[in-house]
Amino acid sequence: MLLLSLPTWFIHLFTVTEWVAAIGLFWRYGTLIKQQELQILRCA
């Protein structure tokens, strides 16, 4: 049995997806402008 309701699971999954996308964008942008600081920022 699920401990969270279905809408709560959707919000959780969308939020995790959003964070993963943001981390990827920071990594790609840091690579594009050749700044290691932005690539390290994704770990924070």
PDB file of N, CA and C in Angstrom:
ATOM      1  N   MET A   1       0.838  -1.190   0.000  1.00  0.00           N
ATOM      2  CA  MET A   1       0.000   0.000   0.000  1.00  0.00           C
ATOM      3  C   MET A   1       0.879   1.248   0.000  1.00  0.00           C
ATOM      4  N   LEU A   2       0.473   2.249  -0.760  1.00  0.00           N
ATOM      5  CA  LEU A   2       1.233   3.488  -0.846  1.00  0.00           C
ATOM      6  C   LEU A   2       1.032   4.330   0.398  1.00  0.00           C
ATOM      7  N   LEU A   3       2.141   4.869   0.906  1.00  0.00           N
ATOM      8  CA  LEU A   3       2.045   5.742   2.065  1.00  0.00           C
ATOM      9  C   LEU A   3       1.656   7.160   1.676  1.00  0.00           C
ATOM     10  N   LEU A   4       1.908   7.519   0.430  1.00  0.00           N
ATOM     11  CA  LEU A   4       1.555   8.844  -0.065  1.00  0.00           C
ATOM     12  C   LEU A   4       0.438   8.714  -1.088  1.00  0.00           C
ATOM     13  N   SER A   5      -0.368   9.755  -1.203  1.00  0.00           N
ATOM     14  CA  SER A   5      -1.435   9.727  -2.201  1.00  0.00           C
ATOM     15  C   SER A   5      -0.840   9.885  -3.602  1.00  0.00           C
ATOM     16  N   LEU A   6      -1.588   9.530  -4.595  1.00  0.00           N
ATOM     17  CA  LEU A   6      -1.123   9.593  -5.975  1.00  0.00           C
ATOM     18  C   LEU A   6      -0.709  11.008  -6.399  1.00  0.00           C
ATOM     19  N   PRO A   7      -1.488  12.054  -6.097  1.00  0.00           N
ATOM     20  CA  PRO A   7      -1.037  13.405  -6.462  1.00  0.00           C
ATOM     21  C   PRO A   7       0.285  13.792  -5.788  1.00  0.00           C
ATOM     22  N   THR A   8       0.496  13.331  -4.565  1.00  0.00           N
ATOM     23  CA  THR A   8       1.747  13.624  -3.876  1.00  0.00           C
ATOM     24  C   THR A   8       2.919  12.945  -4.576  1.00  0.00           C
ATOM     25  N   TRP A   9       2.712  11.716  -5.059  1.00  0.00           N
ATOM     26  CA  TRP A   9       3.762  11.022  -5.808  1.00  0.00           C
ATOM     27  C   TRP A   9       4.077  11.764  -7.097  1.00  0.00           C
ATOM     28  N   PHE A  10       3.065  12.265  -7.798  1.00  0.00           N
ATOM     29  CA  PHE A  10       3.302  13.014  -9.026  1.00  0.00           C
ATOM     30  C   PHE A  10       4.125  14.266  -8.749  1.00  0.00           C
ATOM     31  N   ILE A  11       3.771  14.993  -7.703  1.00  0.00           N
ATOM     32  CA  ILE A  11       4.525  16.198  -7.344  1.00  0.00           C
ATOM     33  C   ILE A  11       5.967  15.834  -7.012  1.00  0.00           C
ATOM     34  N   HIS A  12       6.152  14.767  -6.270  1.00  0.00           N
ATOM     35  CA  HIS A  12       7.503  14.327  -5.906  1.00  0.00           C
ATOM     36  C   HIS A  12       8.314  13.976  -7.159  1.00  0.00           C
ATOM     37  N   LEU A  13       7.742  13.211  -8.057  1.00  0.00           N
ATOM     38  CA  LEU A  13       8.455  12.814  -9.273  1.00  0.00           C
ATOM     39  C   LEU A  13       8.779  14.006 -10.166  1.00  0.00           C
ATOM     40  N   PHE A  14       7.836  14.926 -10.302  1.00  0.00           N
ATOM     41  CA  PHE A  14       8.093  16.116 -11.113  1.00  0.00           C
ATOM     42  C   PHE A  14       9.179  16.985 -10.486  1.00  0.00           C
ATOM     43  N   THR A  15       9.192  17.094  -9.173  1.00  0.00           N
ATOM     44  CA  THR A  15      10.212  17.883  -8.494  1.00  0.00           C
ATOM     45  C   THR A  15      11.592  17.257  -8.661  1.00  0.00           C
ATOM     46  N   VAL A  16      11.687  15.956  -8.513  1.00  0.00           N
ATOM     47  CA  VAL A  16      12.968  15.272  -8.709  1.00  0.00           C
ATOM     48  C   VAL A  16      13.436  15.441 -10.154  1.00  0.00           C
ATOM     49  N   THR A  17      12.524  15.319 -11.096  1.00  0.00           N
ATOM     50  CA  THR A  17      12.864  15.506 -12.506  1.00  0.00           C
ATOM     51  C   THR A  17      13.364  16.926 -12.759  1.00  0.00           C
ATOM     52  N   GLU A  18      12.719  17.902 -12.136  1.00  0.00           N
ATOM     53  CA  GLU A  18      13.127  19.293 -12.293  1.00  0.00           C
ATOM     54  C   GLU A  18      14.545  19.512 -11.748  1.00  0.00           C
ATOM     55  N   TRP A  19      14.841  18.932 -10.593  1.00  0.00           N
ATOM     56  CA  TRP A  19      16.181  19.061 -10.008  1.00  0.00           C
ATOM     57  C   TRP A  19      17.230  18.412 -10.897  1.00  0.00           C
ATOM     58  N   VAL A  20      16.931  17.241 -11.429  1.00  0.00           N
ATOM     59  CA  VAL A  20      17.884  16.550 -12.310  1.00  0.00           C
ATOM     60  C   VAL A  20      18.128  17.388 -13.565  1.00  0.00           C
ATOM     61  N   ALA A  21      17.090  17.972 -14.114  1.00  0.00           N
ATOM     62  CA  ALA A  21      17.238  18.820 -15.299  1.00  0.00           C
ATOM     63  C   ALA A  21      18.082  20.053 -14.981  1.00  0.00           C
ATOM     64  N   ALA A  22      17.855  20.663 -13.825  1.00  0.00           N
ATOM     65  CA  ALA A  22      18.631  21.848 -13.433  1.00  0.00           C
ATOM     66  C   ALA A  22      20.108  21.490 -13.256  1.00  0.00           C
ATOM     67  N   ILE A  23      20.393  20.349 -12.651  1.00  0.00           N
ATOM     68  CA  ILE A  23      21.777  19.910 -12.470  1.00  0.00           C
ATOM     69  C   ILE A  23      22.435  19.709 -13.835  1.00  0.00           C
ATOM     70  N   GLY A  24      21.721  19.075 -14.742  1.00  0.00           N
ATOM     71  CA  GLY A  24      22.256  18.867 -16.085  1.00  0.00           C
ATOM     72  C   GLY A  24      22.510  20.167 -16.818  1.00  0.00           C
ATOM     73  N   LEU A  25      21.607  21.136 -16.662  1.00  0.00           N
ATOM     74  CA  LEU A  25      21.798  22.426 -17.327  1.00  0.00           C
ATOM     75  C   LEU A  25      22.996  23.175 -16.758  1.00  0.00           C
ATOM     76  N   PHE A  26      23.181  23.127 -15.425  1.00  0.00           N
ATOM     77  CA  PHE A  26      24.356  23.749 -14.819  1.00  0.00           C
ATOM     78  C   PHE A  26      25.627  23.112 -15.359  1.00  0.00           C
ATOM     79  N   TRP A  27      25.640  21.799 -15.465  1.00  0.00           N
ATOM     80  CA  TRP A  27      26.815  21.086 -15.962  1.00  0.00           C
ATOM     81  C   TRP A  27      27.121  21.473 -17.413  1.00  0.00           C
ATOM     82  N   ARG A  28      26.100  21.474 -18.251  1.00  0.00           N
ATOM     83  CA  ARG A  28      26.310  21.794 -19.668  1.00  0.00           C
ATOM     84  C   ARG A  28      26.719  23.252 -19.858  1.00  0.00           C
ATOM     85  N   TYR A  29      26.095  24.159 -19.107  1.00  0.00           N
ATOM     86  CA  TYR A  29      26.444  25.577 -19.229  1.00  0.00           C
ATOM     87  C   TYR A  29      27.867  25.824 -18.740  1.00  0.00           C
ATOM     88  N   GLY A  30      28.247  25.174 -17.640  1.00  0.00           N
ATOM     89  CA  GLY A  30      29.613  25.291 -17.145  1.00  0.00           C
ATOM     90  C   GLY A  30      30.618  24.769 -18.145  1.00  0.00           C
ATOM     91  N   THR A  31      30.286  23.688 -18.824  1.00  0.00           N
ATOM     92  CA  THR A  31      31.165  23.141 -19.855  1.00  0.00           C
ATOM     93  C   THR A  31      31.234  24.087 -21.052  1.00  0.00           C
ATOM     94  N   LEU A  32      30.105  24.659 -21.418  1.00  0.00           N
ATOM     95  CA  LEU A  32      30.044  25.541 -22.581  1.00  0.00           C
ATOM     96  C   LEU A  32      30.906  26.783 -22.387  1.00  0.00           C
ATOM     97  N   ILE A  33      30.829  27.394 -21.211  1.00  0.00           N
ATOM     98  CA  ILE A  33      31.603  28.618 -20.968  1.00  0.00           C
ATOM     99  C   ILE A  33      32.929  28.319 -20.283  1.00  0.00           C
ATOM    100  N   LYS A  34      33.236  27.024 -20.096  1.00  0.00           N
ATOM    101  CA  LYS A  34      34.499  26.561 -19.538  1.00  0.00           C
ATOM    102  C   LYS A  34      34.785  27.148 -18.155  1.00  0.00           C
ATOM    103  N   GLN A  35      33.787  27.034 -17.285  1.00  0.00           N
ATOM    104  CA  GLN A  35      33.962  27.461 -15.897  1.00  0.00           C
ATOM    105  C   GLN A  35      33.657  26.288 -14.988  1.00  0.00           C
ATOM    106  N   GLN A  36      34.690  25.811 -14.310  1.00  0.00           N
ATOM    107  CA  GLN A  36      34.548  24.671 -13.418  1.00  0.00           C
ATOM    108  C   GLN A  36      33.652  24.991 -12.224  1.00  0.00           C
ATOM    109  N   GLU A  37      33.558  26.274 -11.855  1.00  0.00           N
ATOM    110  CA  GLU A  37      32.740  26.641 -10.689  1.00  0.00           C
ATOM    111  C   GLU A  37      31.287  26.249 -10.870  1.00  0.00           C
ATOM    112  N   LEU A  38      30.765  26.415 -12.069  1.00  0.00           N
ATOM    113  CA  LEU A  38      29.373  26.041 -12.319  1.00  0.00           C
ATOM    114  C   LEU A  38      29.193  24.535 -12.306  1.00  0.00           C
ATOM    115  N   GLN A  39      30.198  23.799 -12.747  1.00  0.00           N
ATOM    116  CA  GLN A  39      30.106  22.346 -12.705  1.00  0.00           C
ATOM    117  C   GLN A  39      30.148  21.851 -11.273  1.00  0.00           C
ATOM    118  N   ILE A  40      30.921  22.507 -10.428  1.00  0.00           N
ATOM    119  CA  ILE A  40      31.008  22.137  -9.018  1.00  0.00           C
ATOM    120  C   ILE A  40      29.711  22.530  -8.295  1.00  0.00           C
ATOM    121  N   LEU A  41      29.096  23.629  -8.740  1.00  0.00           N
ATOM    122  CA  LEU A  41      27.865  24.106  -8.109  1.00  0.00           C
ATOM    123  C   LEU A  41      26.756  23.076  -8.168  1.00  0.00           C
ATOM    124  N   ARG A  42      26.759  22.215  -9.157  1.00  0.00           N
ATOM    125  CA  ARG A  42      25.722  21.193  -9.271  1.00  0.00           C
ATOM    126  C   ARG A  42      25.754  20.212  -8.102  1.00  0.00           C
ATOM    127  N   CYS A  43      26.910  20.090  -7.457  1.00  0.00           N
ATOM    128  CA  CYS A  43      27.044  19.165  -6.327  1.00  0.00           C
ATOM    129  C   CYS A  43      26.494  19.747  -5.041  1.00  0.00           C
ATOM    130  N   ALA A  44      26.287  21.058  -5.015  1.00  0.00           N
ATOM    131  CA  ALA A  44      25.843  21.713  -3.781  1.00  0.00           C
ATOM    132  C   ALA A  44      24.391  21.436  -3.490  1.00  0.00           C
TER     133      ALA A  44
END
